[in-house]
Amino acid sequence: MDVYVKPMSKEFKISVEGDEIVVHCMGEPVGGKVNRELVKKLSRLFGKRVELVSGSSSRLKRFLVKDAVKSDVERALGAT
């Protein structure tokens, strides 16, 4: 799952803009704080283990949602 991240937001929220998933994070992009926040929040949202695959120092990140199929991810994102 590819995600575009906007750090230093007032609240954590996920939106779908066109074909892009945009995540507004409250953490600072220093020392991996945003990455940890994303993994934690996405794991809770999907109820599954989430791993950061690439983009650890970029705003464009790729995550792997373990044991999930595309419909699970779409359903969870539709509920936000």
Foldseek 3Di string as FASTA:
>chain_A
DKEQEAECDPDWDWDQDPPHIYTYYNDDLPPQPRVVVVQVVVCVLLVFGKDWDDDSNHRITDMDGPPDDPVSVVVSNVVD
